[in-house]
PDB file of N, CA and C in Angstrom:
ATOM      1  N   MET A   1      47.110 -72.680 146.634  1.00  0.00           N
ATOM      2  CA  MET A   1      47.641 -73.893 146.041  1.00  0.00           C
ATOM      3  C   MET A   1      46.762 -75.095 146.396  1.00  0.00           C
ATOM      4  N   ALA A   2      46.447 -75.231 147.692  1.00  0.00           N
ATOM      5  CA  ALA A   2      45.620 -76.367 148.120  1.00  0.00           C
ATOM      6  C   ALA A   2      44.226 -76.281 147.497  1.00  0.00           C
ATOM      7  N   ALA A   3      43.680 -75.067 147.398  1.00  0.00           N
ATOM      8  CA  ALA A   3      42.345 -74.913 146.806  1.00  0.00           C
ATOM      9  C   ALA A   3      42.366 -75.306 145.332  1.00  0.00           C
ATOM     10  N   LEU A   4      43.425 -74.953 144.632  1.00  0.00           N
ATOM     11  CA  LEU A   4      43.552 -75.335 143.225  1.00  0.00           C
ATOM     12  C   LEU A   4      43.632 -76.850 143.098  1.00  0.00           C
ATOM     13  N   ARG A   5      44.420 -77.478 143.952  1.00  0.00           N
ATOM     14  CA  ARG A   5      44.551 -78.937 143.912  1.00  0.00           C
ATOM     15  C   ARG A   5      43.215 -79.598 144.221  1.00  0.00           C
ATOM     16  N   ARG A   6      42.465 -79.053 145.181  1.00  0.00           N
ATOM     17  CA  ARG A   6      41.147 -79.609 145.513  1.00  0.00           C
ATOM     18  C   ARG A   6      40.233 -79.559 144.301  1.00  0.00           C
ATOM     19  N   ARG A   7      40.209 -78.422 143.625  1.00  0.00           N
ATOM     20  CA  ARG A   7      39.355 -78.286 142.441  1.00  0.00           C
ATOM     21  C   ARG A   7      39.788 -79.248 141.337  1.00  0.00           C
ATOM     22  N   GLU A   8      41.089 -79.400 141.148  1.00  0.00           N
ATOM     23  CA  GLU A   8      41.582 -80.321 140.118  1.00  0.00           C
ATOM     24  C   GLU A   8      41.173 -81.754 140.435  1.00  0.00           C
ATOM     25  N   LEU A   9      41.305 -82.157 141.683  1.00  0.00           N
ATOM     26  CA  LEU A   9      40.912 -83.507 142.082  1.00  0.00           C
ATOM     27  C   LEU A   9      39.408 -83.693 141.907  1.00  0.00           C
ATOM     28  N   TRP A  10      38.651 -82.686 142.314  1.00  0.00           N
ATOM     29  CA  TRP A  10      37.190 -82.765 142.173  1.00  0.00           C
ATOM     30  C   TRP A  10      36.824 -82.900 140.695  1.00  0.00           C
ATOM     31  N   ASP A  11      37.396 -82.041 139.861  1.00  0.00           N
ATOM     32  CA  ASP A  11      37.079 -82.073 138.431  1.00  0.00           C
ATOM     33  C   ASP A  11      37.463 -83.407 137.795  1.00  0.00           C
ATOM     34  N   LYS A  12      38.537 -83.998 138.245  1.00  0.00           N
ATOM     35  CA  LYS A  12      38.991 -85.265 137.673  1.00  0.00           C
ATOM     36  C   LYS A  12      38.049 -86.412 138.029  1.00  0.00           C
ATOM     37  N   TYR A  13      37.520 -86.422 139.241  1.00  0.00           N
ATOM     38  CA  TYR A  13      36.771 -87.581 139.709  1.00  0.00           C
ATOM     39  C   TYR A  13      35.257 -87.388 139.812  1.00  0.00           C
ATOM     40  N   PHE A  14      34.765 -86.172 139.630  1.00  0.00           N
ATOM     41  CA  PHE A  14      33.327 -85.939 139.744  1.00  0.00           C
ATOM     42  C   PHE A  14      32.615 -86.452 138.503  1.00  0.00           C
ATOM     43  N   ARG A  15      31.504 -87.173 138.715  1.00  0.00           N
ATOM     44  CA  ARG A  15      30.697 -87.687 137.602  1.00  0.00           C
ATOM     45  C   ARG A  15      29.396 -86.901 137.550  1.00  0.00           C
ATOM     46  N   SER A  16      29.214 -86.163 136.478  1.00  0.00           N
ATOM     47  CA  SER A  16      27.996 -85.359 136.362  1.00  0.00           C
ATOM     48  C   SER A  16      26.755 -86.231 136.169  1.00  0.00           C
ATOM     49  N   ASP A  17      26.927 -87.436 135.623  1.00  0.00           N
ATOM     50  CA  ASP A  17      25.752 -88.286 135.401  1.00  0.00           C
ATOM     51  C   ASP A  17      25.165 -88.818 136.703  1.00  0.00           C
ATOM     52  N   THR A  18      26.001 -89.023 137.719  1.00  0.00           N
ATOM     53  CA  THR A  18      25.495 -89.502 139.008  1.00  0.00           C
ATOM     54  C   THR A  18      25.466 -88.400 140.056  1.00  0.00           C
ATOM     55  N   GLY A  19      26.215 -87.329 139.807  1.00  0.00           N
ATOM     56  CA  GLY A  19      26.275 -86.241 140.775  1.00  0.00           C
ATOM     57  C   GLY A  19      27.134 -86.565 141.982  1.00  0.00           C
ATOM     58  N   THR A  20      27.982 -87.588 141.872  1.00  0.00           N
ATOM     59  CA  THR A  20      28.872 -87.961 142.973  1.00  0.00           C
ATOM     60  C   THR A  20      30.278 -88.185 142.433  1.00  0.00           C
ATOM     61  N   LEU A  21      31.195 -88.411 143.352  1.00  0.00           N
ATOM     62  CA  LEU A  21      32.555 -88.744 142.949  1.00  0.00           C
ATOM     63  C   LEU A  21      32.591 -90.142 142.348  1.00  0.00           C
ATOM     64  N   ASP A  22      33.458 -90.348 141.382  1.00  0.00           N
ATOM     65  CA  ASP A  22      33.643 -91.660 140.758  1.00  0.00           C
ATOM     66  C   ASP A  22      34.592 -92.463 141.641  1.00  0.00           C
ATOM     67  N   GLY A  23      34.027 -93.089 142.648  1.00  0.00           N
ATOM     68  CA  GLY A  23      34.820 -93.827 143.622  1.00  0.00           C
ATOM     69  C   GLY A  23      35.628 -94.941 143.000  1.00  0.00           C
ATOM     70  N   ASP A  24      35.055 -95.645 142.028  1.00  0.00           N
ATOM     71  CA  ASP A  24      35.784 -96.739 141.387  1.00  0.00           C
ATOM     72  C   ASP A  24      37.026 -96.225 140.671  1.00  0.00           C
ATOM     73  N   ARG A  25      36.860 -95.162 139.910  1.00  0.00           N
ATOM     74  CA  ARG A  25      38.007 -94.602 139.181  1.00  0.00           C
ATOM     75  C   ARG A  25      39.054 -94.075 140.156  1.00  0.00           C
ATOM     76  N   MET A  26      38.592 -93.383 141.185  1.00  0.00           N
ATOM     77  CA  MET A  26      39.514 -92.827 142.167  1.00  0.00           C
ATOM     78  C   MET A  26      40.314 -93.936 142.844  1.00  0.00           C
ATOM     79  N   LEU A  27      39.622 -94.974 143.273  1.00  0.00           N
ATOM     80  CA  LEU A  27      40.310 -96.052 143.975  1.00  0.00           C
ATOM     81  C   LEU A  27      41.233 -96.823 143.038  1.00  0.00           C
ATOM     82  N   THR A  28      40.870 -96.938 141.759  1.00  0.00           N
ATOM     83  CA  THR A  28      41.758 -97.577 140.782  1.00  0.00           C
ATOM     84  C   THR A  28      43.039 -96.766 140.626  1.00  0.00           C
ATOM     85  N   ASP A  29      42.889 -95.443 140.496  1.00  0.00           N
ATOM     86  CA  ASP A  29      44.066 -94.580 140.384  1.00  0.00           C
ATOM     87  C   ASP A  29      44.923 -94.656 141.642  1.00  0.00           C
ATOM     88  N   MET A  30      44.270 -94.659 142.793  1.00  0.00           N
ATOM     89  CA  MET A  30      45.018 -94.703 144.044  1.00  0.00           C
ATOM     90  C   MET A  30      45.681 -96.073 144.238  1.00  0.00           C
ATOM     91  N   ALA A  31      45.042 -97.127 143.741  1.00  0.00           N
ATOM     92  CA  ALA A  31      45.660 -98.455 143.814  1.00  0.00           C
ATOM     93  C   ALA A  31      46.945 -98.469 142.992  1.00  0.00           C
ATOM     94  N   ALA A  32      46.928 -97.776 141.854  1.00  0.00           N
ATOM     95  CA  ALA A  32      48.143 -97.681 141.041  1.00  0.00           C
ATOM     96  C   ALA A  32      49.233 -96.939 141.809  1.00  0.00           C
ATOM     97  N   LEU A  33      48.850 -95.877 142.513  1.00  0.00           N
ATOM     98  CA  LEU A  33      49.823 -95.160 143.338  1.00  0.00           C
ATOM     99  C   LEU A  33      50.350 -96.045 144.458  1.00  0.00           C
ATOM    100  N   LEU A  34      49.460 -96.801 145.070  1.00  0.00           N
ATOM    101  CA  LEU A  34      49.898 -97.692 146.144  1.00  0.00           C
ATOM    102  C   LEU A  34      50.835 -98.771 145.609  1.00  0.00           C
ATOM    103  N   ALA A  35      50.583 -99.257 144.392  1.00  0.00           N
ATOM    104  CA  ALA A  35      51.487-100.233 143.783  1.00  0.00           C
ATOM    105  C   ALA A  35      52.857 -99.605 143.549  1.00  0.00           C
ATOM    106  N   GLU A  36      52.849 -98.346 143.136  1.00  0.00           N
ATOM    107  CA  GLU A  36      54.114 -97.632 142.968  1.00  0.00           C
ATOM    108  C   GLU A  36      54.824 -97.507 144.313  1.00  0.00           C
ATOM    109  N   LEU A  37      54.057 -97.256 145.346  1.00  0.00           N
ATOM    110  CA  LEU A  37      54.638 -97.170 146.685  1.00  0.00           C
ATOM    111  C   LEU A  37      55.291 -98.487 147.085  1.00  0.00           C
ATOM    112  N   GLU A  38      54.636 -99.584 146.743  1.00  0.00           N
ATOM    113  CA  GLU A  38      55.202-100.901 147.048  1.00  0.00           C
ATOM    114  C   GLU A  38      56.598-101.029 146.452  1.00  0.00           C
ATOM    115  N   GLY A  39      56.767-100.533 145.236  1.00  0.00           N
ATOM    116  CA  GLY A  39      58.062-100.604 144.573  1.00  0.00           C
ATOM    117  C   GLY A  39      59.113 -99.716 145.211  1.00  0.00           C
ATOM    118  N   LEU A  40      58.679 -98.786 146.018  1.00  0.00           N
ATOM    119  CA  LEU A  40      59.610 -97.854 146.661  1.00  0.00           C
ATOM    120  C   LEU A  40      59.976 -98.253 148.086  1.00  0.00           C
ATOM    121  N   ARG A  41      59.502 -99.384 148.544  1.00  0.00           N
ATOM    122  CA  ARG A  41      59.767 -99.774 149.928  1.00  0.00           C
ATOM    123  C   ARG A  41      61.249 -99.729 150.275  1.00  0.00           C
ATOM    124  N   ALA A  42      62.083-100.089 149.336  1.00  0.00           N
ATOM    125  CA  ALA A  42      63.523-100.083 149.604  1.00  0.00           C
ATOM    126  C   ALA A  42      64.029 -98.659 149.824  1.00  0.00           C
ATOM    127  N   ARG A  43      63.346 -97.705 149.233  1.00  0.00           N
ATOM    128  CA  ARG A  43      63.724 -96.298 149.415  1.00  0.00           C
ATOM    129  C   ARG A  43      62.693 -95.660 150.339  1.00  0.00           C
ATOM    130  N   ASP A  44      62.848 -95.918 151.595  1.00  0.00           N
ATOM    131  CA  ASP A  44      61.859 -95.568 152.616  1.00  0.00           C
ATOM    132  C   ASP A  44      61.405 -94.109 152.559  1.00  0.00           C
ATOM    133  N   ALA A  45      62.323 -93.186 152.373  1.00  0.00           N
ATOM    134  CA  ALA A  45      61.955 -91.765 152.398  1.00  0.00           C
ATOM    135  C   ALA A  45      61.002 -91.428 151.250  1.00  0.00           C
ATOM    136  N   GLU A  46      61.276 -91.940 150.053  1.00  0.00           N
ATOM    137  CA  GLU A  46      60.398 -91.670 148.916  1.00  0.00           C
ATOM    138  C   GLU A  46      59.033 -92.319 149.119  1.00  0.00           C
ATOM    139  N   TYR A  47      59.032 -93.505 149.668  1.00  0.00           N
ATOM    140  CA  TYR A  47      57.787 -94.230 149.947  1.00  0.00           C
ATOM    141  C   TYR A  47      56.901 -93.395 150.866  1.00  0.00           C
ATOM    142  N   CYS A  48      57.479 -92.925 151.949  1.00  0.00           N
ATOM    143  CA  CYS A  48      56.710 -92.141 152.917  1.00  0.00           C
ATOM    144  C   CYS A  48      56.257 -90.810 152.325  1.00  0.00           C
ATOM    145  N   GLU A  49      57.091 -90.220 151.491  1.00  0.00           N
ATOM    146  CA  GLU A  49      56.715 -88.951 150.865  1.00  0.00           C
ATOM    147  C   GLU A  49      55.490 -89.135 149.966  1.00  0.00           C
ATOM    148  N   LEU A  50      55.471 -90.197 149.174  1.00  0.00           N
ATOM    149  CA  LEU A  50      54.308 -90.452 148.319  1.00  0.00           C
ATOM    150  C   LEU A  50      53.066 -90.784 149.145  1.00  0.00           C
ATOM    151  N   ALA A  51      53.247 -91.543 150.218  1.00  0.00           N
ATOM    152  CA  ALA A  51      52.111 -91.845 151.090  1.00  0.00           C
ATOM    153  C   ALA A  51      51.562 -90.557 151.700  1.00  0.00           C
ATOM    154  N   ASP A  52      52.454 -89.650 152.071  1.00  0.00           N
ATOM    155  CA  ASP A  52      52.018 -88.365 152.620  1.00  0.00           C
ATOM    156  C   ASP A  52      51.255 -87.549 151.574  1.00  0.00           C
ATOM    157  N   LEU A  53      51.715 -87.582 150.326  1.00  0.00           N
ATOM    158  CA  LEU A  53      51.006 -86.874 149.253  1.00  0.00           C
ATOM    159  C   LEU A  53      49.618 -87.460 149.032  1.00  0.00           C
ATOM    160  N   LEU A  54      49.509 -88.772 149.133  1.00  0.00           N
ATOM    161  CA  LEU A  54      48.212 -89.433 149.003  1.00  0.00           C
ATOM    162  C   LEU A  54      47.280 -88.988 150.133  1.00  0.00           C
ATOM    163  N   THR A  55      47.822 -88.882 151.338  1.00  0.00           N
ATOM    164  CA  THR A  55      47.038 -88.414 152.481  1.00  0.00           C
ATOM    165  C   THR A  55      46.580 -86.972 152.265  1.00  0.00           C
ATOM    166  N   GLU A  56      47.480 -86.128 151.761  1.00  0.00           N
ATOM    167  CA  GLU A  56      47.113 -84.739 151.483  1.00  0.00           C
ATOM    168  C   GLU A  56      45.998 -84.663 150.442  1.00  0.00           C
ATOM    169  N   ALA A  57      46.090 -85.496 149.416  1.00  0.00           N
ATOM    170  CA  ALA A  57      45.047 -85.509 148.385  1.00  0.00           C
ATOM    171  C   ALA A  57      43.703 -85.896 148.988  1.00  0.00           C
ATOM    172  N   ALA A  58      43.709 -86.877 149.882  1.00  0.00           N
ATOM    173  CA  ALA A  58      42.467 -87.298 150.539  1.00  0.00           C
ATOM    174  C   ALA A  58      41.895 -86.162 151.380  1.00  0.00           C
ATOM    175  N   LYS A  59      42.754 -85.463 152.110  1.00  0.00           N
ATOM    176  CA  LYS A  59      42.288 -84.344 152.933  1.00  0.00           C
ATOM    177  C   LYS A  59      41.728 -83.223 152.061  1.00  0.00           C
ATOM    178  N   ASP A  60      42.404 -82.962 150.938  1.00  0.00           N
ATOM    179  CA  ASP A  60      41.925 -81.925 150.025  1.00  0.00           C
ATOM    180  C   ASP A  60      40.555 -82.284 149.458  1.00  0.00           C
ATOM    181  N   LEU A  61      40.393 -83.539 149.075  1.00  0.00           N
ATOM    182  CA  LEU A  61      39.089 -83.972 148.560  1.00  0.00           C
ATOM    183  C   LEU A  61      38.022 -83.895 149.640  1.00  0.00           C
ATOM    184  N   GLU A  62      38.379 -84.251 150.863  1.00  0.00           N
ATOM    185  CA  GLU A  62      37.421 -84.173 151.964  1.00  0.00           C
ATOM    186  C   GLU A  62      36.959 -82.730 152.164  1.00  0.00           C
ATOM    187  N   SER A  63      37.897 -81.792 152.122  1.00  0.00           N
ATOM    188  CA  SER A  63      37.546 -80.374 152.265  1.00  0.00           C
ATOM    189  C   SER A  63      36.653 -79.908 151.127  1.00  0.00           C
ATOM    190  N   GLU A  64      36.982 -80.352 149.913  1.00  0.00           N
ATOM    191  CA  GLU A  64      36.179 -79.953 148.756  1.00  0.00           C
ATOM    192  C   GLU A  64      34.766 -80.527 148.853  1.00  0.00           C
ATOM    193  N   ILE A  65      34.642 -81.762 149.293  1.00  0.00           N
ATOM    194  CA  ILE A  65      33.325 -82.382 149.468  1.00  0.00           C
ATOM    195  C   ILE A  65      32.515 -81.600 150.496  1.00  0.00           C
ATOM    196  N   ASP A  66      33.137 -81.295 151.632  1.00  0.00           N
ATOM    197  CA  ASP A  66      32.440 -80.539 152.673  1.00  0.00           C
ATOM    198  C   ASP A  66      31.973 -79.185 152.145  1.00  0.00           C
ATOM    199  N   THR A  67      32.828 -78.524 151.378  1.00  0.00           N
ATOM    200  CA  THR A  67      32.478 -77.220 150.813  1.00  0.00           C
ATOM    201  C   THR A  67      31.340 -77.342 149.806  1.00  0.00           C
ATOM    202  N   ARG A  68      31.441 -78.291 148.910  1.00  0.00           N
ATOM    203  CA  ARG A  68      30.429 -78.448 147.853  1.00  0.00           C
ATOM    204  C   ARG A  68      29.053 -78.795 148.406  1.00  0.00           C
ATOM    205  N   TYR A  69      29.020 -79.608 149.443  1.00  0.00           N
ATOM    206  CA  TYR A  69      27.732 -80.036 149.989  1.00  0.00           C
ATOM    207  C   TYR A  69      27.273 -79.178 151.172  1.00  0.00           C
ATOM    208  N   GLY A  70      28.082 -78.197 151.582  1.00  0.00           N
ATOM    209  CA  GLY A  70      27.683 -77.295 152.653  1.00  0.00           C
ATOM    210  C   GLY A  70      27.728 -77.912 154.036  1.00  0.00           C
ATOM    211  N   TYR A  71      28.651 -78.860 154.255  1.00  0.00           N
ATOM    212  CA  TYR A  71      28.772 -79.503 155.559  1.00  0.00           C
ATOM    213  C   TYR A  71      29.016 -78.443 156.619  1.00  0.00           C
ATOM    214  N   PRO A  72      28.419 -78.496 157.791  1.00  0.00           N
ATOM    215  CA  PRO A  72      27.626 -79.588 158.366  1.00  0.00           C
ATOM    216  C   PRO A  72      26.130 -79.510 158.042  1.00  0.00           C
ATOM    217  N   ASP A  73      25.711 -78.499 157.311  1.00  0.00           N
ATOM    218  CA  ASP A  73      24.284 -78.332 156.996  1.00  0.00           C
ATOM    219  C   ASP A  73      23.960 -78.885 155.608  1.00  0.00           C
ATOM    220  N   VAL A  74      24.269 -80.149 155.391  1.00  0.00           N
ATOM    221  CA  VAL A  74      24.005 -80.779 154.095  1.00  0.00           C
ATOM    222  C   VAL A  74      22.495 -80.899 153.910  1.00  0.00           C
ATOM    223  N   HIS A  75      22.026 -80.414 152.770  1.00  0.00           N
ATOM    224  CA  HIS A  75      20.597 -80.485 152.472  1.00  0.00           C
ATOM    225  C   HIS A  75      20.174 -81.952 152.402  1.00  0.00           C
ATOM    226  N   PRO A  76      19.005 -82.283 152.958  1.00  0.00           N
ATOM    227  CA  PRO A  76      18.551 -83.688 152.945  1.00  0.00           C
ATOM    228  C   PRO A  76      18.573 -84.332 151.557  1.00  0.00           C
ATOM    229  N   SER A  77      18.304 -83.554 150.518  1.00  0.00           N
ATOM    230  CA  SER A  77      18.306 -84.125 149.166  1.00  0.00           C
ATOM    231  C   SER A  77      19.717 -84.491 148.694  1.00  0.00           C
ATOM    232  N   GLN A  78      20.724 -83.942 149.347  1.00  0.00           N
ATOM    233  CA  GLN A  78      22.118 -84.203 148.977  1.00  0.00           C
ATOM    234  C   GLN A  78      22.818 -85.165 149.937  1.00  0.00           C
ATOM    235  N   ARG A  79      22.126 -85.571 150.993  1.00  0.00           N
ATOM    236  CA  ARG A  79      22.743 -86.378 152.050  1.00  0.00           C
ATOM    237  C   ARG A  79      23.340 -87.688 151.523  1.00  0.00           C
ATOM    238  N   ASN A  80      22.614 -88.413 150.660  1.00  0.00           N
ATOM    239  CA  ASN A  80      23.135 -89.687 150.152  1.00  0.00           C
ATOM    240  C   ASN A  80      24.393 -89.489 149.318  1.00  0.00           C
ATOM    241  N   LYS A  81      24.398 -88.472 148.465  1.00  0.00           N
ATOM    242  CA  LYS A  81      25.585 -88.187 147.654  1.00  0.00           C
ATOM    243  C   LYS A  81      26.759 -87.810 148.554  1.00  0.00           C
ATOM    244  N   TYR A  82      26.482 -86.968 149.539  1.00  0.00           N
ATOM    245  CA  TYR A  82      27.531 -86.565 150.471  1.00  0.00           C
ATOM    246  C   TYR A  82      28.102 -87.790 151.191  1.00  0.00           C
ATOM    247  N   ASN A  83      27.225 -88.655 151.670  1.00  0.00           N
ATOM    248  CA  ASN A  83      27.676 -89.849 152.391  1.00  0.00           C
ATOM    249  C   ASN A  83      28.517 -90.757 151.497  1.00  0.00           C
ATOM    250  N   ARG A  84      28.105 -90.960 150.248  1.00  0.00           N
ATOM    251  CA  ARG A  84      28.879 -91.807 149.316  1.00  0.00           C
ATOM    252  C   ARG A  84      30.254 -91.212 149.059  1.00  0.00           C
ATOM    253  N   ASP A  85      30.296 -89.914 148.783  1.00  0.00           N
ATOM    254  CA  ASP A  85      31.580 -89.273 148.504  1.00  0.00           C
ATOM    255  C   ASP A  85      32.479 -89.289 149.735  1.00  0.00           C
ATOM    256  N   SER A  86      31.902 -89.059 150.900  1.00  0.00           N
ATOM    257  CA  SER A  86      32.685 -89.085 152.137  1.00  0.00           C
ATOM    258  C   SER A  86      33.248 -90.477 152.401  1.00  0.00           C
ATOM    259  N   GLU A  87      32.453 -91.495 152.136  1.00  0.00           N
ATOM    260  CA  GLU A  87      32.915 -92.879 152.330  1.00  0.00           C
ATOM    261  C   GLU A  87      34.064 -93.213 151.379  1.00  0.00           C
ATOM    262  N   THR A  88      33.984 -92.737 150.153  1.00  0.00           N
ATOM    263  CA  THR A  88      35.063 -92.959 149.193  1.00  0.00           C
ATOM    264  C   THR A  88      36.364 -92.351 149.700  1.00  0.00           C
ATOM    265  N   VAL A  89      36.291 -91.122 150.194  1.00  0.00           N
ATOM    266  CA  VAL A  89      37.488 -90.454 150.696  1.00  0.00           C
ATOM    267  C   VAL A  89      38.002 -91.152 151.955  1.00  0.00           C
ATOM    268  N   THR A  90      37.113 -91.626 152.810  1.00  0.00           N
ATOM    269  CA  THR A  90      37.536 -92.363 154.008  1.00  0.00           C
ATOM    270  C   THR A  90      38.319 -93.607 153.617  1.00  0.00           C
ATOM    271  N   ARG A  91      37.861 -94.307 152.592  1.00  0.00           N
ATOM    272  CA  ARG A  91      38.579 -95.499 152.127  1.00  0.00           C
ATOM    273  C   ARG A  91      39.958 -95.122 151.603  1.00  0.00           C
ATOM    274  N   LEU A  92      40.037 -94.006 150.900  1.00  0.00           N
ATOM    275  CA  LEU A  92      41.314 -93.520 150.396  1.00  0.00           C
ATOM    276  C   LEU A  92      42.247 -93.170 151.551  1.00  0.00           C
ATOM    277  N   GLN A  93      41.716 -92.490 152.576  1.00  0.00           N
ATOM    278  CA  GLN A  93      42.531 -92.123 153.730  1.00  0.00           C
ATOM    279  C   GLN A  93      43.065 -93.358 154.450  1.00  0.00           C
ATOM    280  N   LYS A  94      42.234 -94.364 154.596  1.00  0.00           N
ATOM    281  CA  LYS A  94      42.671 -95.595 155.259  1.00  0.00           C
ATOM    282  C   LYS A  94      43.775 -96.283 154.468  1.00  0.00           C
ATOM    283  N   ALA A  95      43.650 -96.301 153.147  1.00  0.00           N
ATOM    284  CA  ALA A  95      44.690 -96.905 152.310  1.00  0.00           C
ATOM    285  C   ALA A  95      46.003 -96.138 152.449  1.00  0.00           C
ATOM    286  N   ALA A  96      45.914 -94.809 152.470  1.00  0.00           N
ATOM    287  CA  ALA A  96      47.116 -93.991 152.628  1.00  0.00           C
ATOM    288  C   ALA A  96      47.737 -94.201 154.005  1.00  0.00           C
ATOM    289  N   ASP A  97      46.909 -94.299 155.021  1.00  0.00           N
ATOM    290  CA  ASP A  97      47.417 -94.540 156.378  1.00  0.00           C
ATOM    291  C   ASP A  97      48.140 -95.879 156.460  1.00  0.00           C
ATOM    292  N   ARG A  98      47.564 -96.898 155.829  1.00  0.00           N
ATOM    293  CA  ARG A  98      48.224 -98.214 155.815  1.00  0.00           C
ATOM    294  C   ARG A  98      49.564 -98.121 155.097  1.00  0.00           C
ATOM    295  N   ALA A  99      49.572 -97.431 153.968  1.00  0.00           N
ATOM    296  CA  ALA A  99      50.812 -97.295 153.202  1.00  0.00           C
ATOM    297  C   ALA A  99      51.871 -96.560 154.013  1.00  0.00           C
ATOM    298  N   ARG A 100      51.470 -95.508 154.689  1.00  0.00           N
ATOM    299  CA  ARG A 100      52.420 -94.737 155.479  1.00  0.00           C
ATOM    300  C   ARG A 100      52.944 -95.562 156.642  1.00  0.00           C
ATOM    301  N   GLY A 101      52.058 -96.300 157.278  1.00  0.00           N
ATOM    302  CA  GLY A 101      52.467 -97.124 158.413  1.00  0.00           C
ATOM    303  C   GLY A 101      53.436 -98.219 158.019  1.00  0.00           C
ATOM    304  N   GLU A 102      53.261 -98.768 156.817  1.00  0.00           N
ATOM    305  CA  GLU A 102      54.148 -99.827 156.349  1.00  0.00           C
ATOM    306  C   GLU A 102      55.494 -99.277 155.918  1.00  0.00           C
ATOM    307  N   GLY A 103      55.535 -98.022 155.519  1.00  0.00           N
ATOM    308  CA  GLY A 103      56.782 -97.448 155.028  1.00  0.00           C
ATOM    309  C   GLY A 103      57.698 -96.949 156.118  1.00  0.00           C
ATOM    310  N   ARG A 104      57.133 -96.657 157.269  1.00  0.00           N
ATOM    311  CA  ARG A 104      57.955 -96.068 158.344  1.00  0.00           C
ATOM    312  C   ARG A 104      58.362 -97.068 159.364  1.00  0.00           C
TER     313      ARG A 104
END
């Protein structure tokens, strides 16, 4: 199940023209989720559940990135792409952590 979700997330956000994840699109989508979370603050349990799902998505993408680039032995020619994609996921994880912290 997690592997399928990782592939779906990768397929949704991977840009073949740049060979990296579409960080702008991903963060825009996640911002929409975070806005939805804001609306759920009154319903604390649902808010935290969505924040947890966002965290799981970030972890799944991180695993998929590591697998695709062969971490920890990332080829030097792929290092910049790996670093960009990893940074995008780190930003997503931080946003999810903030959302979770505010909901609990």
